[in-house]
Amino acid sequence: MADRRLTPANGRVADLSLEGQVDAERFVTPEPARVAVPVADLWSSPEATARDRQLLWGETVEVYERRDGMAFVRAARDGYVGYVSETCLGPPQEATHIVGVPATHLYPEPNMKSLAMHRLSFGARLKIVAVSEKFYETEEGLHVPRPHLRAAIRPVEDPVSVAQLFFGVPYLWGGNSSNGIDCSGLVQAACLAAHIPCPGDSDMQEQTLGVPAEGPARRGDLFFWKGHVAIAVDGEVLIHANAHHMAVQYERIDDAIARIADQGDGPFTSHKRLFSL
């Protein structure tokens, strides 16, 4: 059975490439759009009762249907399918920079004393059209401090350093921002910043990321449990967004393995090493 999280079809519409494979009233070519709010919830259904993931400012989506104020979309970053409010979307835009710090603000003018209009999370994407001494100007005419951005084409060298930027961020089921994040959101933020393709949920990450590892952990290794993932900081400590601490926290690897087993969530299921590390 096709994974509904990765299958752009909802019975009414489906991607043109799926004709003959799924049932739908119409098979369509999607229209590109971008997320035009700081954080947009990606829902599993148009009723918006169960959040699957979140999308960040400037991220590209493919829109298959707009109906009753909701858009059926596929995220460009990982192919995740779901529904977002139409009010969250704007015209497509090619990003030149990404937010490379835990968070930043957008200002109406290049002045830190002006009233900030939006708070953007690490990973938000922006198109920069002008530069001044201390600020970049976006295509929308807003301004962001220059030290907070990095070129979109330039990957970070160490994905673990990205995960560490989120230390202390509150745990949020389905979260993908520095407002709140979950275990797979943390790993995805780290990997995508390093230009390592990464799906959105931990089960998919376990299936696709890295190779089986043996022996002591190395920085960047991934540890998986059913429904959970953590990333090693070194041979003894990992960092993960977890519901036990309700935050992104460091924990000794042996302690995490024992604690998770003791609370009834089972043993760790795999130890993986990212290809690039």
Protein backbone atom coordinates (compact mmCIF):
# COMPACT_ATOMS: atom_id res chain seq x y z
CA MET A 1 0.00 0.00 0.00
CA ALA A 2 1.27 3.45 -0.91
CA ASP A 3 2.36 5.66 1.97
CA ARG A 4 -0.23 8.45 2.11
CA ARG A 5 2.45 10.80 3.52
CA LEU A 6 4.35 10.57 0.24
CA THR A 7 1.53 9.97 -2.23
CA PRO A 8 0.10 13.15 -3.81
CA ALA A 9 -3.45 11.85 -4.18
CA ASN A 10 -6.60 12.44 -2.16
CA GLY A 11 -9.36 10.82 -4.24
CA ARG A 12 -10.38 14.06 -5.96
CA VAL A 13 -6.98 14.93 -7.42
CA ALA A 14 -3.69 13.14 -7.93
CA ASP A 15 -0.35 13.88 -9.53
CA LEU A 16 -0.33 13.27 -13.27
CA SER A 17 2.42 10.68 -12.83
CA LEU A 18 0.05 8.50 -10.77
CA GLU A 19 -2.53 7.98 -13.52
CA GLY A 20 -3.31 4.29 -13.70
CA GLN A 21 -1.87 3.69 -10.22
CA VAL A 22 -4.43 5.38 -7.95
CA ASP A 23 -8.10 6.34 -8.17
CA ALA A 24 -8.82 10.05 -8.61
CA GLU A 25 -11.36 12.26 -10.35
CA ARG A 26 -8.60 14.35 -11.94
CA PHE A 27 -4.90 13.88 -12.59
CA VAL A 28 -3.13 17.22 -12.54
CA THR A 29 0.21 18.95 -12.83
CA PRO A 30 0.76 20.90 -9.59
CA GLU A 31 1.38 24.63 -9.39
CA PRO A 32 4.39 25.91 -7.44
CA ALA A 33 3.93 28.16 -4.41
CA ARG A 34 5.89 29.11 -1.33
CA VAL A 35 5.16 29.34 2.37
CA ALA A 36 4.56 33.01 3.19
CA VAL A 37 4.21 32.79 6.98
CA PRO A 38 6.90 32.04 9.57
CA VAL A 39 5.57 28.53 10.30
CA ALA A 40 2.75 26.68 8.55
CA ASP A 41 1.22 23.50 9.93
CA LEU A 42 1.00 20.62 7.45
CA TRP A 43 -2.15 18.68 8.30
CA SER A 44 -3.03 15.08 7.48
CA SER A 45 -6.58 16.07 6.47
CA PRO A 46 -8.40 19.25 5.43
CA GLU A 47 -10.19 19.29 8.79
CA ALA A 48 -6.83 20.33 10.33
CA THR A 49 -7.19 18.12 13.37
CA ALA A 50 -3.89 16.20 13.21
CA ARG A 51 -0.60 17.94 12.43
CA ASP A 52 1.92 15.81 10.55
CA ARG A 53 4.75 18.30 10.10
CA GLN A 54 5.45 22.02 9.69
CA LEU A 55 6.78 24.11 6.81
CA LEU A 56 8.89 27.24 7.17
CA TRP A 57 8.89 30.68 5.58
CA GLY A 58 10.04 30.52 1.96
CA GLU A 59 9.82 26.76 1.52
CA THR A 60 8.51 25.61 -1.84
CA VAL A 61 5.39 23.49 -2.16
CA GLU A 62 3.51 22.02 -5.10
CA VAL A 63 -0.22 22.78 -4.97
CA TYR A 64 -2.60 20.14 -6.34
CA GLU A 65 -5.91 21.54 -5.14
CA ARG A 66 -7.38 24.57 -3.40
CA ARG A 67 -10.70 23.84 -1.74
CA ASP A 68 -12.64 25.46 1.11
CA GLY A 69 -9.67 27.52 2.24
CA MET A 70 -7.23 24.61 2.34
CA ALA A 71 -4.55 23.64 -0.16
CA PHE A 72 -3.48 20.05 -0.85
CA VAL A 73 0.28 20.24 -1.30
CA ARG A 74 3.55 18.36 -1.53
CA ALA A 75 6.63 19.81 0.18
CA ALA A 76 9.62 20.23 -2.11
CA ARG A 77 12.13 19.53 0.68
CA ASP A 78 11.10 15.92 1.23
CA GLY A 79 7.96 15.07 -0.75
CA TYR A 80 5.70 15.09 2.32
CA VAL A 81 2.03 15.49 1.36
CA GLY A 82 -0.72 17.18 3.31
CA TYR A 83 -2.94 20.22 3.73
CA VAL A 84 -2.08 23.80 4.62
CA SER A 85 -4.26 26.85 4.97
CA GLU A 86 -4.39 28.82 1.72
CA THR A 87 -3.61 31.94 3.73
CA CYS A 88 -0.14 30.50 4.39
CA LEU A 89 0.84 30.46 0.72
CA GLY A 90 2.27 33.04 -1.67
CA PRO A 91 3.69 33.06 -5.20
CA PRO A 92 6.79 30.94 -5.89
CA GLN A 93 10.20 32.39 -5.18
CA GLU A 94 13.75 31.12 -5.58
CA ALA A 95 15.57 31.49 -2.26
CA THR A 96 19.10 32.84 -2.17
CA HIS A 97 19.71 32.60 1.60
CA ILE A 98 18.56 30.64 4.63
CA VAL A 99 18.38 31.55 8.28
CA GLY A 100 21.50 30.01 9.82
CA VAL A 101 20.95 30.88 13.50
CA PRO A 102 18.23 29.58 15.85
CA ALA A 103 15.96 32.51 15.01
CA THR A 104 15.90 35.97 13.52
CA HIS A 105 13.46 38.82 12.87
CA LEU A 106 12.19 40.58 9.79
CA TYR A 107 12.05 44.35 10.11
CA PRO A 108 10.15 46.91 8.02
CA GLU A 109 13.35 48.96 7.65
CA PRO A 110 17.09 48.39 8.17
CA ASN A 111 16.96 49.50 11.79
CA MET A 112 17.10 47.16 14.79
CA LYS A 113 14.95 49.61 16.76
CA SER A 114 12.07 49.38 14.30
CA LEU A 115 9.18 47.14 15.28
CA ALA A 116 9.95 43.57 14.15
CA MET A 117 7.23 42.11 11.97
CA HIS A 118 8.04 38.38 11.97
CA ARG A 119 10.19 35.87 13.86
CA LEU A 120 11.79 33.31 11.55
CA SER A 121 13.27 29.97 12.55
CA PHE A 122 16.51 28.36 11.51
CA GLY A 123 16.00 26.99 8.00
CA ALA A 124 13.61 29.68 6.77
CA ARG A 125 14.36 30.61 3.19
CA LEU A 126 14.61 34.14 1.77
CA LYS A 127 15.26 35.84 -1.55
CA ILE A 128 17.69 38.71 -0.99
CA VAL A 129 17.67 41.56 -3.49
CA ALA A 130 19.82 44.24 -1.80
CA VAL A 131 22.38 44.64 0.94
CA SER A 132 23.34 47.44 3.31
CA GLU A 133 26.00 47.66 5.98
CA LYS A 134 24.13 45.59 8.56
CA PHE A 135 21.00 44.26 6.84
CA TYR A 136 19.86 42.27 3.85
CA GLU A 137 16.68 43.33 2.04
CA THR A 138 14.22 40.67 0.90
CA GLU A 139 12.14 40.72 -2.25
CA GLU A 140 9.15 41.72 -0.10
CA GLY A 141 11.00 44.85 1.06
CA LEU A 142 11.69 43.54 4.55
CA HIS A 143 15.04 43.53 6.28
CA VAL A 144 17.01 40.87 8.16
CA PRO A 145 20.35 41.18 10.01
CA ARG A 146 23.22 40.07 7.80
CA PRO A 147 24.94 37.85 10.41
CA HIS A 148 21.80 35.70 10.65
CA LEU A 149 21.81 34.42 7.06
CA ARG A 150 23.95 32.04 5.04
CA ALA A 151 23.94 31.39 1.31
CA ALA A 152 21.41 28.73 0.39
CA ILE A 153 23.91 26.97 -1.87
CA ARG A 154 26.46 26.59 0.94
CA PRO A 155 25.94 23.53 3.16
CA VAL A 156 27.03 23.38 6.77
CA GLU A 157 29.94 21.01 7.31
CA ASP A 158 28.72 19.49 10.56
CA PRO A 159 25.02 18.62 10.86
CA VAL A 160 25.39 17.95 14.58
CA SER A 161 26.26 21.61 15.13
CA VAL A 162 22.83 22.43 13.68
CA ALA A 163 21.07 20.06 16.07
CA GLN A 164 22.93 21.72 18.93
CA LEU A 165 21.53 25.12 17.93
CA PHE A 166 18.14 23.77 19.03
CA PHE A 167 19.25 22.87 22.56
CA GLY A 168 16.46 23.77 24.99
CA VAL A 169 13.81 24.28 22.29
CA PRO A 170 10.50 22.88 23.59
CA TYR A 171 9.31 19.53 22.28
CA LEU A 172 6.39 19.79 19.85
CA TRP A 173 4.83 16.80 18.11
CA GLY A 174 5.28 17.37 14.37
CA GLY A 175 7.31 20.52 15.01
CA ASN A 176 9.97 21.75 12.60
CA SER A 177 11.02 25.12 13.99
CA SER A 178 12.87 26.74 16.87
CA ASN A 179 9.44 27.52 18.33
CA GLY A 180 9.00 23.78 18.89
CA ILE A 181 10.44 20.64 17.33
CA ASP A 182 10.24 16.87 17.56
CA CYS A 183 12.87 14.16 17.17
CA SER A 184 12.62 13.68 13.42
CA GLY A 185 12.27 17.41 12.82
CA LEU A 186 15.58 17.95 14.62
CA VAL A 187 17.38 15.31 12.53
CA GLN A 188 15.86 16.65 9.32
CA ALA A 189 16.91 20.23 10.10
CA ALA A 190 20.46 19.01 10.72
CA CYS A 191 20.64 16.90 7.58
CA LEU A 192 19.03 19.37 5.19
CA ALA A 193 21.37 22.13 6.37
CA ALA A 194 24.24 19.85 5.37
CA HIS A 195 22.51 19.15 2.01
CA ILE A 196 21.86 15.54 3.01
CA PRO A 197 18.45 14.48 1.65
CA CYS A 198 16.23 13.55 4.59
CA PRO A 199 12.57 12.52 4.92
CA GLY A 200 10.33 13.98 7.59
CA ASP A 201 9.46 11.14 9.96
CA SER A 202 11.71 8.84 11.98
CA ASP A 203 10.50 5.59 10.40
CA MET A 204 11.35 6.92 6.94
CA GLN A 205 14.66 8.26 8.22
CA GLU A 206 15.59 4.85 9.60
CA GLN A 207 14.85 3.27 6.22
CA THR A 208 16.77 5.77 4.09
CA LEU A 209 19.55 7.48 6.06
CA GLY A 210 23.10 6.18 6.32
CA VAL A 211 24.43 2.65 6.70
CA PRO A 212 24.45 0.24 9.67
CA ALA A 213 27.18 1.17 12.13
CA GLU A 214 29.19 -1.09 14.40
CA GLY A 215 31.20 -0.33 17.50
CA PRO A 216 31.27 2.90 19.49
CA ALA A 217 29.21 5.84 18.36
CA ARG A 218 30.77 8.61 16.32
CA ARG A 219 29.65 12.23 16.08
CA GLY A 220 26.70 12.33 13.68
CA ASP A 221 25.61 8.71 14.15
CA LEU A 222 21.87 8.17 14.39
CA PHE A 223 20.15 5.98 16.98
CA PHE A 224 16.63 4.79 16.24
CA TRP A 225 13.83 3.40 18.35
CA LYS A 226 10.29 2.68 17.22
CA GLY A 227 8.95 6.19 16.71
CA HIS A 228 12.09 7.98 17.87
CA VAL A 229 15.51 9.11 16.64
CA ALA A 230 18.53 10.80 18.23
CA ILE A 231 21.86 12.02 16.90
CA ALA A 232 25.21 11.36 18.60
CA VAL A 233 27.32 14.30 19.72
CA ASP A 234 30.29 12.05 20.50
CA GLY A 235 30.94 8.49 21.59
CA GLU A 236 28.99 8.84 24.83
CA VAL A 237 26.34 11.56 24.45
CA LEU A 238 23.45 12.16 22.10
CA ILE A 239 21.08 15.06 21.52
CA HIS A 240 17.39 14.59 20.82
CA ALA A 241 14.01 16.25 21.03
CA ASN A 242 12.06 14.04 23.40
CA ALA A 243 8.84 13.94 25.35
CA HIS A 244 10.58 12.84 28.57
CA HIS A 245 12.34 16.19 28.92
CA MET A 246 9.76 17.98 26.70
CA ALA A 247 12.70 19.71 25.06
CA VAL A 248 15.82 19.21 22.99
CA GLN A 249 18.31 17.84 25.50
CA TYR A 250 21.62 16.05 25.81
CA GLU A 251 21.58 12.56 27.31
CA ARG A 252 24.16 9.84 27.72
CA ILE A 253 23.62 7.16 25.09
CA ASP A 254 23.55 4.32 27.61
CA ASP A 255 21.16 6.24 29.84
CA ALA A 256 18.78 6.97 26.96
CA ILE A 257 18.76 3.33 25.85
CA ALA A 258 18.02 2.13 29.39
CA ARG A 259 15.42 4.83 30.13
CA ILE A 260 13.47 4.28 26.93
CA ALA A 261 13.44 0.52 27.50
CA ASP A 262 12.37 0.94 31.13
CA GLN A 263 9.45 3.17 30.19
CA GLY A 264 8.14 0.43 27.88
CA ASP A 265 9.05 1.86 24.48
CA GLY A 266 11.40 -0.98 23.60
CA PRO A 267 15.07 -1.33 22.66
CA PHE A 268 16.83 0.82 20.11
CA THR A 269 16.24 -0.67 16.68
CA SER A 270 19.27 0.51 14.73
CA HIS A 271 22.51 2.46 14.88
CA LYS A 272 23.19 4.18 11.55
CA ARG A 273 26.15 6.15 10.19
CA LEU A 274 25.50 8.97 7.73
CA PHE A 275 27.25 8.47 4.41
CA SER A 276 28.94 11.86 4.49
CA LEU A 277 30.49 11.60 7.94
